[in-house]
PDB file of N, CA and C in Angstrom:
ATOM      1  N   UNK A   1       0.848  -1.176   0.000  1.00  0.00           N
ATOM      2  CA  UNK A   1       0.000   0.000   0.000  1.00  0.00           C
ATOM      3  C   UNK A   1       0.891   1.235   0.000  1.00  0.00           C
ATOM      4  N   UNK A   2       0.567   2.184  -0.841  1.00  0.00           N
ATOM      5  CA  UNK A   2       1.365   3.402  -0.931  1.00  0.00           C
ATOM      6  C   UNK A   2       1.203   4.251   0.328  1.00  0.00           C
ATOM      7  N   UNK A   3       2.147   5.134   0.528  1.00  0.00           N
ATOM      8  CA  UNK A   3       2.116   6.017   1.697  1.00  0.00           C
ATOM      9  C   UNK A   3       0.851   6.873   1.697  1.00  0.00           C
ATOM     10  N   UNK A   4       0.453   7.346   0.515  1.00  0.00           N
ATOM     11  CA  UNK A   4      -0.745   8.191   0.405  1.00  0.00           C
ATOM     12  C   UNK A   4      -2.000   7.410   0.791  1.00  0.00           C
ATOM     13  N   UNK A   5      -2.086   6.168   0.329  1.00  0.00           N
ATOM     14  CA  UNK A   5      -3.252   5.345   0.675  1.00  0.00           C
ATOM     15  C   UNK A   5      -3.288   5.030   2.163  1.00  0.00           C
ATOM     16  N   UNK A   6      -2.110   4.801   2.747  1.00  0.00           N
ATOM     17  CA  UNK A   6      -2.057   4.535   4.188  1.00  0.00           C
ATOM     18  C   UNK A   6      -2.505   5.761   4.978  1.00  0.00           C
ATOM     19  N   UNK A   7      -2.067   6.948   4.552  1.00  0.00           N
ATOM     20  CA  UNK A   7      -2.476   8.174   5.235  1.00  0.00           C
ATOM     21  C   UNK A   7      -3.979   8.396   5.101  1.00  0.00           C
ATOM     22  N   UNK A   8      -4.505   8.123   3.921  1.00  0.00           N
ATOM     23  CA  UNK A   8      -5.946   8.277   3.685  1.00  0.00           C
ATOM     24  C   UNK A   8      -6.745   7.317   4.565  1.00  0.00           C
ATOM     25  N   UNK A   9      -6.274   6.074   4.657  1.00  0.00           N
ATOM     26  CA  UNK A   9      -6.953   5.083   5.494  1.00  0.00           C
ATOM     27  C   UNK A   9      -6.895   5.497   6.963  1.00  0.00           C
ATOM     28  N   UNK A  10      -5.754   6.012   7.399  1.00  0.00           N
ATOM     29  CA  UNK A  10      -5.594   6.456   8.778  1.00  0.00           C
ATOM     30  C   UNK A  10      -6.549   7.603   9.092  1.00  0.00           C
ATOM     31  N   UNK A  11      -6.621   8.579   8.198  1.00  0.00           N
ATOM     32  CA  UNK A  11      -7.518   9.719   8.404  1.00  0.00           C
ATOM     33  C   UNK A  11      -8.974   9.280   8.439  1.00  0.00           C
ATOM     34  N   UNK A  12      -9.335   8.318   7.603  1.00  0.00           N
ATOM     35  CA  UNK A  12     -10.702   7.791   7.593  1.00  0.00           C
ATOM     36  C   UNK A  12     -11.025   7.127   8.936  1.00  0.00           C
ATOM     37  N   UNK A  13     -10.088   6.342   9.455  1.00  0.00           N
ATOM     38  CA  UNK A  13     -10.305   5.670  10.742  1.00  0.00           C
ATOM     39  C   UNK A  13     -10.412   6.702  11.863  1.00  0.00           C
ATOM     40  N   UNK A  14      -9.609   7.760  11.798  1.00  0.00           N
ATOM     41  CA  UNK A  14      -9.684   8.822  12.804  1.00  0.00           C
ATOM     42  C   UNK A  14     -11.057   9.491  12.780  1.00  0.00           C
ATOM     43  N   UNK A  15     -11.540   9.787  11.592  1.00  0.00           N
ATOM     44  CA  UNK A  15     -12.848  10.425  11.434  1.00  0.00           C
ATOM     45  C   UNK A  15     -13.946   9.511  11.954  1.00  0.00           C
ATOM     46  N   UNK A  16     -13.859   8.218  11.623  1.00  0.00           N
ATOM     47  CA  UNK A  16     -14.872   7.264  12.089  1.00  0.00           C
ATOM     48  C   UNK A  16     -14.851   7.127  13.605  1.00  0.00           C
ATOM     49  N   UNK A  17     -13.659   7.132  14.177  1.00  0.00           N
ATOM     50  CA  UNK A  17     -13.540   7.036  15.639  1.00  0.00           C
ATOM     51  C   UNK A  17     -14.208   8.232  16.308  1.00  0.00           C
ATOM     52  N   UNK A  18     -13.939   9.424  15.797  1.00  0.00           N
ATOM     53  CA  UNK A  18     -14.551  10.632  16.367  1.00  0.00           C
ATOM     54  C   UNK A  18     -16.068  10.606  16.213  1.00  0.00           C
ATOM     55  N   UNK A  19     -16.546  10.146  15.067  1.00  0.00           N
ATOM     56  CA  UNK A  19     -17.988  10.059  14.849  1.00  0.00           C
ATOM     57  C   UNK A  19     -18.622   9.083  15.842  1.00  0.00           C
ATOM     58  N   UNK A  20     -18.001   7.929  16.036  1.00  0.00           N
ATOM     59  CA  UNK A  20     -18.532   6.938  16.972  1.00  0.00           C
ATOM     60  C   UNK A  20     -18.509   7.479  18.402  1.00  0.00           C
ATOM     61  N   UNK A  21     -17.471   8.234  18.753  1.00  0.00           N
ATOM     62  CA  UNK A  21     -17.398   8.822  20.094  1.00  0.00           C
ATOM     63  C   UNK A  21     -18.534   9.825  20.296  1.00  0.00           C
ATOM     64  N   UNK A  22     -18.807  10.643  19.278  1.00  0.00           N
ATOM     65  CA  UNK A  22     -19.922  11.601  19.387  1.00  0.00           C
ATOM     66  C   UNK A  22     -21.241  10.860  19.549  1.00  0.00           C
ATOM     67  N   UNK A  23     -21.440   9.808  18.776  1.00  0.00           N
ATOM     68  CA  UNK A  23     -22.677   9.032  18.878  1.00  0.00           C
ATOM     69  C   UNK A  23     -22.820   8.417  20.267  1.00  0.00           C
ATOM     70  N   UNK A  24     -21.722   7.936  20.824  1.00  0.00           N
ATOM     71  CA  UNK A  24     -21.745   7.370  22.177  1.00  0.00           C
ATOM     72  C   UNK A  24     -22.174   8.431  23.178  1.00  0.00           C
ATOM     73  N   UNK A  25     -21.601   9.625  23.068  1.00  0.00           N
ATOM     74  CA  UNK A  25     -21.951  10.719  23.974  1.00  0.00           C
ATOM     75  C   UNK A  25     -23.416  11.112  23.839  1.00  0.00           C
ATOM     76  N   UNK A  26     -23.971  10.958  22.650  1.00  0.00           N
ATOM     77  CA  UNK A  26     -25.366  11.299  22.391  1.00  0.00           C
ATOM     78  C   UNK A  26     -26.315  10.153  22.743  1.00  0.00           C
ATOM     79  N   UNK A  27     -25.767   9.041  23.214  1.00  0.00           N
ATOM     80  CA  UNK A  27     -26.601   7.900  23.583  1.00  0.00           C
ATOM     81  C   UNK A  27     -27.013   7.029  22.410  1.00  0.00           C
ATOM     82  N   UNK A  28     -26.416   7.243  21.256  1.00  0.00           N
ATOM     83  CA  UNK A  28     -26.712   6.456  20.052  1.00  0.00           C
ATOM     84  C   UNK A  28     -25.770   5.247  20.012  1.00  0.00           C
ATOM     85  N   UNK A  29     -25.931   4.357  20.984  1.00  0.00           N
ATOM     86  CA  UNK A  29     -24.980   3.270  21.165  1.00  0.00           C
ATOM     87  C   UNK A  29     -24.989   2.271  20.013  1.00  0.00           C
ATOM     88  N   UNK A  30     -26.138   1.966  19.460  1.00  0.00           N
ATOM     89  CA  UNK A  30     -26.216   0.996  18.369  1.00  0.00           C
ATOM     90  C   UNK A  30     -25.506   1.532  17.126  1.00  0.00           C
ATOM     91  N   UNK A  31     -25.685   2.810  16.832  1.00  0.00           N
ATOM     92  CA  UNK A  31     -25.000   3.414  15.685  1.00  0.00           C
ATOM     93  C   UNK A  31     -23.489   3.447  15.918  1.00  0.00           C
ATOM     94  N   UNK A  32     -23.084   3.778  17.126  1.00  0.00           N
ATOM     95  CA  UNK A  32     -21.653   3.802  17.451  1.00  0.00           C
ATOM     96  C   UNK A  32     -21.069   2.398  17.334  1.00  0.00           C
ATOM     97  N   UNK A  33     -21.795   1.413  17.843  1.00  0.00           N
ATOM     98  CA  UNK A  33     -21.328   0.028  17.756  1.00  0.00           C
ATOM     99  C   UNK A  33     -21.129  -0.391  16.301  1.00  0.00           C
ATOM    100  N   UNK A  34     -22.045  -0.021  15.443  1.00  0.00           N
ATOM    101  CA  UNK A  34     -21.941  -0.380  14.026  1.00  0.00           C
ATOM    102  C   UNK A  34     -20.665   0.190  13.407  1.00  0.00           C
ATOM    103  N   UNK A  35     -20.326   1.416  13.777  1.00  0.00           N
ATOM    104  CA  UNK A  35     -19.101   2.033  13.247  1.00  0.00           C
ATOM    105  C   UNK A  35     -17.871   1.287  13.750  1.00  0.00           C
ATOM    106  N   UNK A  36     -17.836   0.999  15.053  1.00  0.00           N
ATOM    107  CA  UNK A  36     -16.683   0.281  15.601  1.00  0.00           C
ATOM    108  C   UNK A  36     -16.545  -1.105  14.969  1.00  0.00           C
ATOM    109  N   UNK A  37     -17.657  -1.799  14.778  1.00  0.00           N
ATOM    110  CA  UNK A  37     -17.588  -3.136  14.175  1.00  0.00           C
ATOM    111  C   UNK A  37     -17.105  -3.061  12.724  1.00  0.00           C
ATOM    112  N   UNK A  38     -17.533  -2.032  12.013  1.00  0.00           N
ATOM    113  CA  UNK A  38     -17.063  -1.839  10.636  1.00  0.00           C
ATOM    114  C   UNK A  38     -15.557  -1.567  10.628  1.00  0.00           C
ATOM    115  N   UNK A  39     -15.096  -0.796  11.587  1.00  0.00           N
ATOM    116  CA  UNK A  39     -13.666  -0.522  11.686  1.00  0.00           C
ATOM    117  C   UNK A  39     -12.889  -1.818  11.928  1.00  0.00           C
ATOM    118  N   UNK A  40     -13.438  -2.690  12.763  1.00  0.00           N
ATOM    119  CA  UNK A  40     -12.761  -3.959  13.048  1.00  0.00           C
ATOM    120  C   UNK A  40     -12.773  -4.884  11.834  1.00  0.00           C
ATOM    121  N   UNK A  41     -13.762  -4.739  10.974  1.00  0.00           N
ATOM    122  CA  UNK A  41     -13.755  -5.497   9.723  1.00  0.00           C
ATOM    123  C   UNK A  41     -12.636  -5.003   8.821  1.00  0.00           C
ATOM    124  N   UNK A  42     -12.377  -3.709   8.860  1.00  0.00           N
ATOM    125  CA  UNK A  42     -11.317  -3.114   8.032  1.00  0.00           C
ATOM    126  C   UNK A  42      -9.932  -3.442   8.588  1.00  0.00           C
ATOM    127  N   UNK A  43      -9.808  -3.402   9.908  1.00  0.00           N
ATOM    128  CA  UNK A  43      -8.527  -3.702  10.554  1.00  0.00           C
ATOM    129  C   UNK A  43      -8.795  -4.484  11.834  1.00  0.00           C
ATOM    130  N   UNK A  44      -8.558  -5.777  11.750  1.00  0.00           N
ATOM    131  CA  UNK A  44      -8.820  -6.661  12.889  1.00  0.00           C
ATOM    132  C   UNK A  44      -8.039  -6.187  14.121  1.00  0.00           C
ATOM    133  N   UNK A  45      -8.713  -6.185  15.252  1.00  0.00           N
ATOM    134  CA  UNK A  45      -8.115  -5.813  16.540  1.00  0.00           C
ATOM    135  C   UNK A  45      -7.549  -4.393  16.563  1.00  0.00           C
ATOM    136  N   UNK A  46      -8.242  -3.463  15.888  1.00  0.00           N
ATOM    137  CA  UNK A  46      -7.837  -2.054  15.876  1.00  0.00           C
ATOM    138  C   UNK A  46      -8.082  -1.487  17.269  1.00  0.00           C
ATOM    139  N   UNK A  47      -7.020  -1.125  18.016  1.00  0.00           N
ATOM    140  CA  UNK A  47      -7.176  -0.717  19.417  1.00  0.00           C
ATOM    141  C   UNK A  47      -8.230   0.361  19.675  1.00  0.00           C
ATOM    142  N   UNK A  48      -8.284   1.452  18.899  1.00  0.00           N
ATOM    143  CA  UNK A  48      -9.322   2.454  19.194  1.00  0.00           C
ATOM    144  C   UNK A  48     -10.748   1.914  19.054  1.00  0.00           C
ATOM    145  N   UNK A  49     -10.963   0.996  18.130  1.00  0.00           N
ATOM    146  CA  UNK A  49     -12.302   0.404  17.975  1.00  0.00           C
ATOM    147  C   UNK A  49     -12.616  -0.517  19.148  1.00  0.00           C
ATOM    148  N   UNK A  50     -11.632  -1.301  19.576  1.00  0.00           N
ATOM    149  CA  UNK A  50     -11.840  -2.172  20.741  1.00  0.00           C
ATOM    150  C   UNK A  50     -12.129  -1.326  21.978  1.00  0.00           C
ATOM    151  N   UNK A  51     -11.370  -0.236  22.131  1.00  0.00           N
ATOM    152  CA  UNK A  51     -11.599   0.654  23.264  1.00  0.00           C
ATOM    153  C   UNK A  51     -12.997   1.272  23.192  1.00  0.00           C
ATOM    154  N   UNK A  52     -13.377   1.716  22.006  1.00  0.00           N
ATOM    155  CA  UNK A  52     -14.708   2.303  21.837  1.00  0.00           C
ATOM    156  C   UNK A  52     -15.810   1.326  22.214  1.00  0.00           C
ATOM    157  N   UNK A  53     -15.660   0.078  21.804  1.00  0.00           N
ATOM    158  CA  UNK A  53     -16.645  -0.942  22.181  1.00  0.00           C
ATOM    159  C   UNK A  53     -16.647  -1.165  23.688  1.00  0.00           C
ATOM    160  N   UNK A  54     -15.468  -1.029  24.311  1.00  0.00           N
ATOM    161  CA  UNK A  54     -15.418  -1.193  25.775  1.00  0.00           C
ATOM    162  C   UNK A  54     -16.198  -0.083  26.468  1.00  0.00           C
ATOM    163  N   UNK A  55     -16.170   1.123  25.887  1.00  0.00           N
ATOM    164  CA  UNK A  55     -16.961   2.227  26.442  1.00  0.00           C
ATOM    165  C   UNK A  55     -18.456   1.925  26.331  1.00  0.00           C
ATOM    166  N   UNK A  56     -18.843   1.329  25.219  1.00  0.00           N
ATOM    167  CA  UNK A  56     -20.256   0.950  25.049  1.00  0.00           C
ATOM    168  C   UNK A  56     -20.645  -0.114  26.071  1.00  0.00           C
ATOM    169  N   UNK A  57     -19.760  -1.069  26.297  1.00  0.00           N
ATOM    170  CA  UNK A  57     -20.036  -2.108  27.295  1.00  0.00           C
ATOM    171  C   UNK A  57     -20.198  -1.488  28.681  1.00  0.00           C
ATOM    172  N   UNK A  58     -19.397  -0.467  28.969  1.00  0.00           N
ATOM    173  CA  UNK A  58     -19.523   0.215  30.256  1.00  0.00           C
ATOM    174  C   UNK A  58     -20.869   0.921  30.359  1.00  0.00           C
ATOM    175  N   UNK A  59     -21.314   1.515  29.259  1.00  0.00           N
ATOM    176  CA  UNK A  59     -22.604   2.226  29.260  1.00  0.00           C
ATOM    177  C   UNK A  59     -23.764   1.295  29.616  1.00  0.00           C
ATOM    178  N   UNK A  60     -23.651   0.029  29.205  1.00  0.00           N
ATOM    179  CA  UNK A  60     -24.724  -0.928  29.525  1.00  0.00           C
ATOM    180  C   UNK A  60     -24.362  -1.793  30.735  1.00  0.00           C
ATOM    181  N   UNK A  61     -23.273  -1.402  31.421  1.00  0.00           N
ATOM    182  CA  UNK A  61     -22.809  -2.044  32.644  1.00  0.00           C
ATOM    183  C   UNK A  61     -22.479  -3.526  32.457  1.00  0.00           C
ATOM    184  N   UNK A  62     -21.850  -3.867  31.331  1.00  0.00           N
ATOM    185  CA  UNK A  62     -21.368  -5.231  31.103  1.00  0.00           C
ATOM    186  C   UNK A  62     -19.857  -5.212  31.304  1.00  0.00           C
ATOM    187  N   UNK A  63     -19.462  -5.342  32.571  1.00  0.00           N
ATOM    188  CA  UNK A  63     -18.057  -5.194  32.933  1.00  0.00           C
ATOM    189  C   UNK A  63     -17.188  -6.344  32.438  1.00  0.00           C
ATOM    190  N   UNK A  64     -17.751  -7.531  32.299  1.00  0.00           N
ATOM    191  CA  UNK A  64     -16.962  -8.651  31.774  1.00  0.00           C
ATOM    192  C   UNK A  64     -16.557  -8.381  30.330  1.00  0.00           C
ATOM    193  N   UNK A  65     -17.494  -7.927  29.527  1.00  0.00           N
ATOM    194  CA  UNK A  65     -17.192  -7.599  28.129  1.00  0.00           C
ATOM    195  C   UNK A  65     -16.241  -6.408  28.084  1.00  0.00           C
ATOM    196  N   UNK A  66     -16.488  -5.420  28.921  1.00  0.00           N
ATOM    197  CA  UNK A  66     -15.619  -4.236  28.971  1.00  0.00           C
ATOM    198  C   UNK A  66     -14.179  -4.637  29.273  1.00  0.00           C
ATOM    199  N   UNK A  67     -14.007  -5.461  30.278  1.00  0.00           N
ATOM    200  CA  UNK A  67     -12.670  -5.878  30.680  1.00  0.00           C
ATOM    201  C   UNK A  67     -11.991  -6.651  29.554  1.00  0.00           C
ATOM    202  N   UNK A  68     -12.721  -7.542  28.894  1.00  0.00           N
ATOM    203  CA  UNK A  68     -12.155  -8.320  27.799  1.00  0.00           C
ATOM    204  C   UNK A  68     -11.721  -7.408  26.648  1.00  0.00           C
ATOM    205  N   UNK A  69     -12.586  -6.468  26.271  1.00  0.00           N
ATOM    206  CA  UNK A  69     -12.260  -5.548  25.172  1.00  0.00           C
ATOM    207  C   UNK A  69     -11.064  -4.660  25.511  1.00  0.00           C
ATOM    208  N   UNK A  70     -11.019  -4.179  26.750  1.00  0.00           N
ATOM    209  CA  UNK A  70      -9.868  -3.364  27.163  1.00  0.00           C
ATOM    210  C   UNK A  70      -8.586  -4.195  27.134  1.00  0.00           C
ATOM    211  N   UNK A  71      -8.673  -5.429  27.594  1.00  0.00           N
ATOM    212  CA  UNK A  71      -7.502  -6.302  27.570  1.00  0.00           C
ATOM    213  C   UNK A  71      -7.007  -6.502  26.142  1.00  0.00           C
ATOM    214  N   UNK A  72      -7.936  -6.739  25.230  1.00  0.00           N
ATOM    215  CA  UNK A  72      -7.564  -6.915  23.820  1.00  0.00           C
ATOM    216  C   UNK A  72      -6.950  -5.637  23.255  1.00  0.00           C
ATOM    217  N   UNK A  73      -7.527  -4.481  23.568  1.00  0.00           N
ATOM    218  CA  UNK A  73      -6.998  -3.205  23.071  1.00  0.00           C
ATOM    219  C   UNK A  73      -5.586  -2.968  23.610  1.00  0.00           C
ATOM    220  N   UNK A  74      -5.396  -3.198  24.898  1.00  0.00           N
ATOM    221  CA  UNK A  74      -4.088  -2.999  25.534  1.00  0.00           C
ATOM    222  C   UNK A  74      -3.052  -3.926  24.916  1.00  0.00           C
ATOM    223  N   UNK A  75      -3.433  -5.169  24.681  1.00  0.00           N
ATOM    224  CA  UNK A  75      -2.526  -6.153  24.089  1.00  0.00           C
ATOM    225  C   UNK A  75      -2.085  -5.731  22.694  1.00  0.00           C
ATOM    226  N   UNK A  76      -2.969  -5.065  21.966  1.00  0.00           N
ATOM    227  CA  UNK A  76      -2.674  -4.663  20.586  1.00  0.00           C
ATOM    228  C   UNK A  76      -1.790  -3.419  20.496  1.00  0.00           C
ATOM    229  N   UNK A  77      -1.635  -2.679  21.590  1.00  0.00           N
ATOM    230  CA  UNK A  77      -0.751  -1.511  21.564  1.00  0.00           C
ATOM    231  C   UNK A  77       0.682  -2.036  21.560  1.00  0.00           C
ATOM    232  N   UNK A  78       1.357  -1.776  20.465  1.00  0.00           N
ATOM    233  CA  UNK A  78       2.716  -2.290  20.278  1.00  0.00           C
ATOM    234  C   UNK A  78       3.711  -1.525  21.155  1.00  0.00           C
ATOM    235  N   UNK A  79       4.753  -2.233  21.610  1.00  0.00           N
ATOM    236  CA  UNK A  79       5.795  -1.542  22.383  1.00  0.00           C
ATOM    237  C   UNK A  79       6.370  -0.379  21.572  1.00  0.00           C
ATOM    238  N   UNK A  80       6.499   0.740  22.218  1.00  0.00           N
ATOM    239  CA  UNK A  80       6.951   1.947  21.534  1.00  0.00           C
ATOM    240  C   UNK A  80       7.572   2.900  22.530  1.00  0.00           C
ATOM    241  N   UNK A  81       8.310   3.864  21.999  1.00  0.00           N
ATOM    242  CA  UNK A  81       8.837   4.937  22.840  1.00  0.00           C
ATOM    243  C   UNK A  81       7.953   6.168  22.777  1.00  0.00           C
ATOM    244  N   UNK A  82       6.893   6.104  21.990  1.00  0.00           N
ATOM    245  CA  UNK A  82       5.975   7.228  21.841  1.00  0.00           C
ATOM    246  C   UNK A  82       5.249   7.466  23.161  1.00  0.00           C
ATOM    247  N   UNK A  83       5.453   8.637  23.726  1.00  0.00           N
ATOM    248  CA  UNK A  83       4.875   8.953  25.039  1.00  0.00           C
ATOM    249  C   UNK A  83       3.348   8.949  25.016  1.00  0.00           C
ATOM    250  N   UNK A  84       2.762   9.411  23.893  1.00  0.00           N
ATOM    251  CA  UNK A  84       1.307   9.426  23.798  1.00  0.00           C
ATOM    252  C   UNK A  84       0.732   8.012  23.813  1.00  0.00           C
ATOM    253  N   UNK A  85       1.365   7.113  23.067  1.00  0.00           N
ATOM    254  CA  UNK A  85       0.907   5.717  23.046  1.00  0.00           C
ATOM    255  C   UNK A  85       1.027   5.088  24.433  1.00  0.00           C
ATOM    256  N   UNK A  86       2.132   5.367  25.101  1.00  0.00           N
ATOM    257  CA  UNK A  86       2.321   4.849  26.463  1.00  0.00           C
ATOM    258  C   UNK A  86       1.257   5.417  27.399  1.00  0.00           C
ATOM    259  N   UNK A  87       0.966   6.707  27.246  1.00  0.00           N
ATOM    260  CA  UNK A  87      -0.058   7.339  28.084  1.00  0.00           C
ATOM    261  C   UNK A  87      -1.420   6.712  27.869  1.00  0.00           C
ATOM    262  N   UNK A  88      -1.751   6.436  26.615  1.00  0.00           N
ATOM    263  CA  UNK A  88      -3.031   5.785  26.305  1.00  0.00           C
ATOM    264  C   UNK A  88      -3.094   4.409  26.964  1.00  0.00           C
ATOM    265  N   UNK A  89      -2.012   3.673  26.856  1.00  0.00           N
ATOM    266  CA  UNK A  89      -1.976   2.342  27.471  1.00  0.00           C
ATOM    267  C   UNK A  89      -2.172   2.437  28.990  1.00  0.00           C
ATOM    268  N   UNK A  90      -1.543   3.425  29.620  1.00  0.00           N
ATOM    269  CA  UNK A  90      -1.686   3.605  31.073  1.00  0.00           C
ATOM    270  C   UNK A  90      -3.134   3.930  31.435  1.00  0.00           C
ATOM    271  N   UNK A  91      -3.768   4.787  30.640  1.00  0.00           N
ATOM    272  CA  UNK A  91      -5.174   5.136  30.896  1.00  0.00           C
ATOM    273  C   UNK A  91      -6.059   3.907  30.743  1.00  0.00           C
ATOM    274  N   UNK A  92      -5.840   3.160  29.669  1.00  0.00           N
ATOM    275  CA  UNK A  92      -6.659   1.963  29.436  1.00  0.00           C
ATOM    276  C   UNK A  92      -6.469   0.933  30.540  1.00  0.00           C
ATOM    277  N   UNK A  93      -5.244   0.814  31.056  1.00  0.00           N
ATOM    278  CA  UNK A  93      -5.003  -0.101  32.182  1.00  0.00           C
ATOM    279  C   UNK A  93      -5.785   0.339  33.413  1.00  0.00           C
ATOM    280  N   UNK A  94      -5.844   1.634  33.649  1.00  0.00           N
ATOM    281  CA  UNK A  94      -6.603   2.162  34.785  1.00  0.00           C
ATOM    282  C   UNK A  94      -8.090   1.851  34.612  1.00  0.00           C
ATOM    283  N   UNK A  95      -8.590   2.016  33.392  1.00  0.00           N
ATOM    284  CA  UNK A  95      -9.995   1.706  33.132  1.00  0.00           C
ATOM    285  C   UNK A  95     -10.258   0.202  33.255  1.00  0.00           C
ATOM    286  N   UNK A  96      -9.289  -0.599  32.837  1.00  0.00           N
ATOM    287  CA  UNK A  96      -9.434  -2.044  33.004  1.00  0.00           C
ATOM    288  C   UNK A  96      -9.486  -2.391  34.494  1.00  0.00           C
ATOM    289  N   UNK A  97      -8.669  -1.723  35.294  1.00  0.00           N
ATOM    290  CA  UNK A  97      -8.683  -1.940  36.739  1.00  0.00           C
ATOM    291  C   UNK A  97     -10.061  -1.618  37.316  1.00  0.00           C
ATOM    292  N   UNK A  98     -10.662  -0.535  36.833  1.00  0.00           N
ATOM    293  CA  UNK A  98     -12.004  -0.161  37.294  1.00  0.00           C
ATOM    294  C   UNK A  98     -13.014  -1.270  36.993  1.00  0.00           C
ATOM    295  N   UNK A  99     -12.950  -1.819  35.780  1.00  0.00           N
ATOM    296  CA  UNK A  99     -13.865  -2.912  35.417  1.00  0.00           C
ATOM    297  C   UNK A  99     -13.613  -4.130  36.295  1.00  0.00           C
ATOM    298  N   UNK A 100     -12.353  -4.424  36.537  1.00  0.00           N
ATOM    299  CA  UNK A 100     -12.009  -5.579  37.369  1.00  0.00           C
ATOM    300  C   UNK A 100     -12.494  -5.399  38.806  1.00  0.00           C
ATOM    301  N   UNK A 101     -12.409  -4.175  39.332  1.00  0.00           N
ATOM    302  CA  UNK A 101     -12.913  -3.924  40.685  1.00  0.00           C
ATOM    303  C   UNK A 101     -14.415  -4.159  40.752  1.00  0.00           C
ATOM    304  N   UNK A 102     -15.129  -3.736  39.713  1.00  0.00           N
ATOM    305  CA  UNK A 102     -16.579  -3.957  39.670  1.00  0.00           C
ATOM    306  C   UNK A 102     -16.910  -5.439  39.582  1.00  0.00           C
ATOM    307  N   UNK A 103     -15.948  -6.224  39.081  1.00  0.00           N
ATOM    308  CA  UNK A 103     -16.132  -7.674  38.989  1.00  0.00           C
ATOM    309  C   UNK A 103     -15.577  -8.396  40.223  1.00  0.00           C
ATOM    310  N   UNK A 104     -15.194  -7.612  41.242  1.00  0.00           N
ATOM    311  CA  UNK A 104     -14.628  -8.147  42.482  1.00  0.00           C
ATOM    312  C   UNK A 104     -13.350  -8.948  42.251  1.00  0.00           C
ATOM    313  N   UNK A 105     -12.534  -8.475  41.328  1.00  0.00           N
ATOM    314  CA  UNK A 105     -11.242  -9.107  41.030  1.00  0.00           C
ATOM    315  C   UNK A 105     -10.137  -8.135  41.427  1.00  0.00           C
ATOM    316  N   UNK A 106     -10.054  -7.911  42.737  1.00  0.00           N
ATOM    317  CA  UNK A 106      -9.161  -6.892  43.290  1.00  0.00           C
ATOM    318  C   UNK A 106      -7.698  -7.141  42.961  1.00  0.00           C
ATOM    319  N   UNK A 107      -7.228  -8.393  43.042  1.00  0.00           N
ATOM    320  CA  UNK A 107      -5.818  -8.671  42.764  1.00  0.00           C
ATOM    321  C   UNK A 107      -5.466  -8.320  41.321  1.00  0.00           C
ATOM    322  N   UNK A 108      -6.336  -8.686  40.390  1.00  0.00           N
ATOM    323  CA  UNK A 108      -6.101  -8.359  38.982  1.00  0.00           C
ATOM    324  C   UNK A 108      -6.147  -6.847  38.772  1.00  0.00           C
ATOM    325  N   UNK A 109      -7.067  -6.179  39.457  1.00  0.00           N
ATOM    326  CA  UNK A 109      -7.158  -4.718  39.361  1.00  0.00           C
ATOM    327  C   UNK A 109      -5.884  -4.069  39.877  1.00  0.00           C
ATOM    328  N   UNK A 110      -5.371  -4.571  40.996  1.00  0.00           N
ATOM    329  CA  UNK A 110      -4.133  -4.031  41.555  1.00  0.00           C
ATOM    330  C   UNK A 110      -2.967  -4.208  40.589  1.00  0.00           C
ATOM    331  N   UNK A 111      -2.930  -5.335  39.878  1.00  0.00           N
ATOM    332  CA  UNK A 111      -1.862  -5.572  38.896  1.00  0.00           C
ATOM    333  C   UNK A 111      -1.956  -4.564  37.749  1.00  0.00           C
ATOM    334  N   UNK A 112      -3.160  -4.259  37.311  1.00  0.00           N
ATOM    335  CA  UNK A 112      -3.348  -3.258  36.252  1.00  0.00           C
ATOM    336  C   UNK A 112      -2.896  -1.884  36.719  1.00  0.00           C
ATOM    337  N   UNK A 113      -3.254  -1.529  37.940  1.00  0.00           N
ATOM    338  CA  UNK A 113      -2.866  -0.229  38.482  1.00  0.00           C
ATOM    339  C   UNK A 113      -1.349  -0.134  38.616  1.00  0.00           C
ATOM    340  N   UNK A 114      -0.725  -1.213  39.073  1.00  0.00           N
ATOM    341  CA  UNK A 114       0.738  -1.216  39.207  1.00  0.00           C
ATOM    342  C   UNK A 114       1.409  -1.047  37.849  1.00  0.00           C
ATOM    343  N   UNK A 115       0.899  -1.710  36.827  1.00  0.00           N
ATOM    344  CA  UNK A 115       1.464  -1.583  35.480  1.00  0.00           C
ATOM    345  C   UNK A 115       1.244  -0.174  34.940  1.00  0.00           C
ATOM    346  N   UNK A 116       0.073   0.385  35.200  1.00  0.00           N
ATOM    347  CA  UNK A 116      -0.210   1.753  34.772  1.00  0.00           C
ATOM    348  C   UNK A 116       0.767   2.730  35.432  1.00  0.00           C
ATOM    349  N   UNK A 117       0.977   2.580  36.723  1.00  0.00           N
ATOM    350  CA  UNK A 117       1.922   3.440  37.446  1.00  0.00           C
ATOM    351  C   UNK A 117       3.330   3.308  36.884  1.00  0.00           C
ATOM    352  N   UNK A 118       3.732   2.066  36.564  1.00  0.00           N
ATOM    353  CA  UNK A 118       5.060   1.834  36.014  1.00  0.00           C
ATOM    354  C   UNK A 118       5.229   2.572  34.681  1.00  0.00           C
ATOM    355  N   UNK A 119       4.213   2.483  33.830  1.00  0.00           N
ATOM    356  CA  UNK A 119       4.267   3.142  32.526  1.00  0.00           C
ATOM    357  C   UNK A 119       4.323   4.665  32.695  1.00  0.00           C
ATOM    358  N   UNK A 120       3.513   5.184  33.594  1.00  0.00           N
ATOM    359  CA  UNK A 120       3.504   6.636  33.832  1.00  0.00           C
ATOM    360  C   UNK A 120       4.861   7.105  34.342  1.00  0.00           C
ATOM    361  N   UNK A 121       5.416   6.383  35.294  1.00  0.00           N
ATOM    362  CA  UNK A 121       6.728   6.744  35.841  1.00  0.00           C
ATOM    363  C   UNK A 121       7.785   6.708  34.745  1.00  0.00           C
ATOM    364  N   UNK A 122       7.764   5.661  33.934  1.00  0.00           N
ATOM    365  CA  UNK A 122       8.707   5.529  32.822  1.00  0.00           C
ATOM    366  C   UNK A 122       8.536   6.673  31.832  1.00  0.00           C
ATOM    367  N   UNK A 123       7.302   7.056  31.611  1.00  0.00           N
ATOM    368  CA  UNK A 123       6.994   8.131  30.657  1.00  0.00           C
ATOM    369  C   UNK A 123       7.506   9.490  31.145  1.00  0.00           C
ATOM    370  N   UNK A 124       7.588   9.649  32.462  1.00  0.00           N
ATOM    371  CA  UNK A 124       8.026  10.929  33.030  1.00  0.00           C
ATOM    372  C   UNK A 124       9.543  11.058  33.092  1.00  0.00           C
ATOM    373  N   UNK A 125      10.233   9.946  32.930  1.00  0.00           N
ATOM    374  CA  UNK A 125      11.710   9.978  33.023  1.00  0.00           C
ATOM    375  C   UNK A 125      12.331  10.572  31.789  1.00  0.00           C
TER     376      UNK A 125
END
């Protein structure tokens, strides 16, 4: 794929992500879900789409699905020195910890929080 096509695809995914986020904020969860699922058809395990679906799961209070989707999104974030990517991973770990606490899985939640703290500390160095 040419560089131009890759940039175009990236911009399209960014636009779709923002649209789905707006729909989520407006309570249009089914429409937002459709966008995220379409994104996953285009790029399997696309972290922003998995994260977006986890937000929808939280809206309907399905913490097991939320935790699974967050875990998948976190796993898909590739090791990098990019501070923004690391920050996103730390935030997602914190949100995963929240889901785990709601599922009464305190030890797993504590592990997520510890990893998030480690990433944040590393990011500040």
